[in-house]
Amino acid sequence: MGMFKKLAVLAGAAGAVGSYVKKNPEKVNQAVDKAARFADQKTKGKYSDKINGVTQKVSDATKPRPAH
């Protein structure tokens, strides 16, 4: 598969993910929280700060934006 075709596929997937996140922010946050707990448990807390930072960024990104 050519590089441009791969980029087009990735762009389409990113668009689909963005659409899903906008429609289902609660489900996304739940899934991220579950994955974060799993990763934290498997790493025995070694990367807790980094995991919590990513979880917070996702939470911030899924908050509803005020309409202008």
C-alpha atoms as a PDB file:
ATOM      1  CA  MET A   1       0.000   0.000   0.000  1.00  0.00           C
ATOM      2  CA  GLY A   2       1.406   3.374  -0.968  1.00  0.00           C
ATOM      3  CA  MET A   3       2.213   5.992   1.606  1.00  0.00           C
ATOM      4  CA  PHE A   4      -0.528   8.383   0.475  1.00  0.00           C
ATOM      5  CA  LYS A   5      -3.120   5.638   0.566  1.00  0.00           C
ATOM      6  CA  LYS A   6      -2.053   4.728   4.110  1.00  0.00           C
ATOM      7  CA  LEU A   7      -2.338   8.384   5.131  1.00  0.00           C
ATOM      8  CA  ALA A   8      -5.808   8.580   3.610  1.00  0.00           C
ATOM      9  CA  VAL A   9      -6.876   5.485   5.546  1.00  0.00           C
ATOM     10  CA  LEU A  10      -5.456   6.924   8.766  1.00  0.00           C
ATOM     11  CA  ALA A  11      -7.198  10.247   8.161  1.00  0.00           C
ATOM     12  CA  GLY A  12     -10.496   8.447   7.643  1.00  0.00           C
ATOM     13  CA  ALA A  13     -10.016   6.441  10.832  1.00  0.00           C
ATOM     14  CA  ALA A  14      -9.133   9.592  12.769  1.00  0.00           C
ATOM     15  CA  GLY A  15     -12.297  11.250  11.505  1.00  0.00           C
ATOM     16  CA  ALA A  16     -14.392   8.267  12.594  1.00  0.00           C
ATOM     17  CA  VAL A  17     -12.783   8.283  16.042  1.00  0.00           C
ATOM     18  CA  GLY A  18     -13.371  12.013  16.407  1.00  0.00           C
ATOM     19  CA  SER A  19     -17.015  11.590  15.478  1.00  0.00           C
ATOM     20  CA  TYR A  20     -17.439   8.752  17.982  1.00  0.00           C
ATOM     21  CA  VAL A  21     -15.800  10.795  20.753  1.00  0.00           C
ATOM     22  CA  LYS A  22     -18.149  13.724  20.124  1.00  0.00           C
ATOM     23  CA  LYS A  23     -21.210  11.481  20.231  1.00  0.00           C
ATOM     24  CA  ASN A  24     -20.109   9.281  23.170  1.00  0.00           C
ATOM     25  CA  PRO A  25     -17.803  11.192  25.544  1.00  0.00           C
ATOM     26  CA  GLU A  26     -18.970   9.218  28.609  1.00  0.00           C
ATOM     27  CA  LYS A  27     -18.161   5.871  26.986  1.00  0.00           C
ATOM     28  CA  VAL A  28     -14.763   7.139  25.879  1.00  0.00           C
ATOM     29  CA  ASN A  29     -13.928   8.345  29.389  1.00  0.00           C
ATOM     30  CA  GLN A  30     -15.066   5.046  30.891  1.00  0.00           C
ATOM     31  CA  ALA A  31     -12.930   3.056  28.457  1.00  0.00           C
ATOM     32  CA  VAL A  32      -9.886   5.256  29.052  1.00  0.00           C
ATOM     33  CA  ASP A  33     -10.312   5.013  32.838  1.00  0.00           C
ATOM     34  CA  LYS A  34     -10.571   1.226  32.623  1.00  0.00           C
ATOM     35  CA  ALA A  35      -7.491   1.011  30.393  1.00  0.00           C
ATOM     36  CA  ALA A  36      -5.591   3.355  32.720  1.00  0.00           C
ATOM     37  CA  ARG A  37      -6.403   1.228  35.772  1.00  0.00           C
ATOM     38  CA  PHE A  38      -5.299  -1.890  33.898  1.00  0.00           C
ATOM     39  CA  ALA A  39      -2.012  -0.305  32.755  1.00  0.00           C
ATOM     40  CA  ASP A  40      -1.332   1.097  36.222  1.00  0.00           C
ATOM     41  CA  GLN A  41      -1.953  -2.298  37.783  1.00  0.00           C
ATOM     42  CA  LYS A  42       0.260  -4.122  35.286  1.00  0.00           C
ATOM     43  CA  THR A  43       3.118  -1.640  35.764  1.00  0.00           C
ATOM     44  CA  LYS A  44       2.636  -1.713  39.548  1.00  0.00           C
ATOM     45  CA  GLY A  45       2.222   2.054  39.677  1.00  0.00           C
ATOM     46  CA  LYS A  46       5.572   2.795  38.045  1.00  0.00           C
ATOM     47  CA  TYR A  47       3.981   5.104  35.448  1.00  0.00           C
ATOM     48  CA  SER A  48       1.031   6.407  37.478  1.00  0.00           C
ATOM     49  CA  ASP A  49       1.889  10.057  36.881  1.00  0.00           C
ATOM     50  CA  LYS A  50       2.072   9.617  33.118  1.00  0.00           C
ATOM     51  CA  ILE A  51      -1.076   7.479  33.003  1.00  0.00           C
ATOM     52  CA  ASN A  52      -2.985  10.016  35.099  1.00  0.00           C
ATOM     53  CA  GLY A  53      -1.772  12.827  32.840  1.00  0.00           C
ATOM     54  CA  VAL A  54      -3.054  11.097  29.725  1.00  0.00           C
ATOM     55  CA  THR A  55      -6.361  10.268  31.424  1.00  0.00           C
ATOM     56  CA  GLN A  56      -6.764  13.925  32.397  1.00  0.00           C
ATOM     57  CA  LYS A  57      -6.021  15.105  28.844  1.00  0.00           C
ATOM     58  CA  VAL A  58      -8.676  12.771  27.454  1.00  0.00           C
ATOM     59  CA  SER A  59     -11.149  13.973  30.072  1.00  0.00           C
ATOM     60  CA  ASP A  60     -10.427  17.597  29.178  1.00  0.00           C
ATOM     61  CA  ALA A  61     -10.771  16.863  25.461  1.00  0.00           C
ATOM     62  CA  THR A  62     -14.173  15.223  25.896  1.00  0.00           C
ATOM     63  CA  LYS A  63     -15.717  18.012  27.969  1.00  0.00           C
ATOM     64  CA  PRO A  64     -18.515  19.838  26.182  1.00  0.00           C
ATOM     65  CA  ARG A  65     -17.459  23.170  24.732  1.00  0.00           C
ATOM     66  CA  PRO A  66     -19.676  26.214  25.289  1.00  0.00           C
ATOM     67  CA  ALA A  67     -21.447  27.435  22.170  1.00  0.00           C
ATOM     68  CA  HIS A  68     -20.514  30.897  20.907  1.00  0.00           C
END
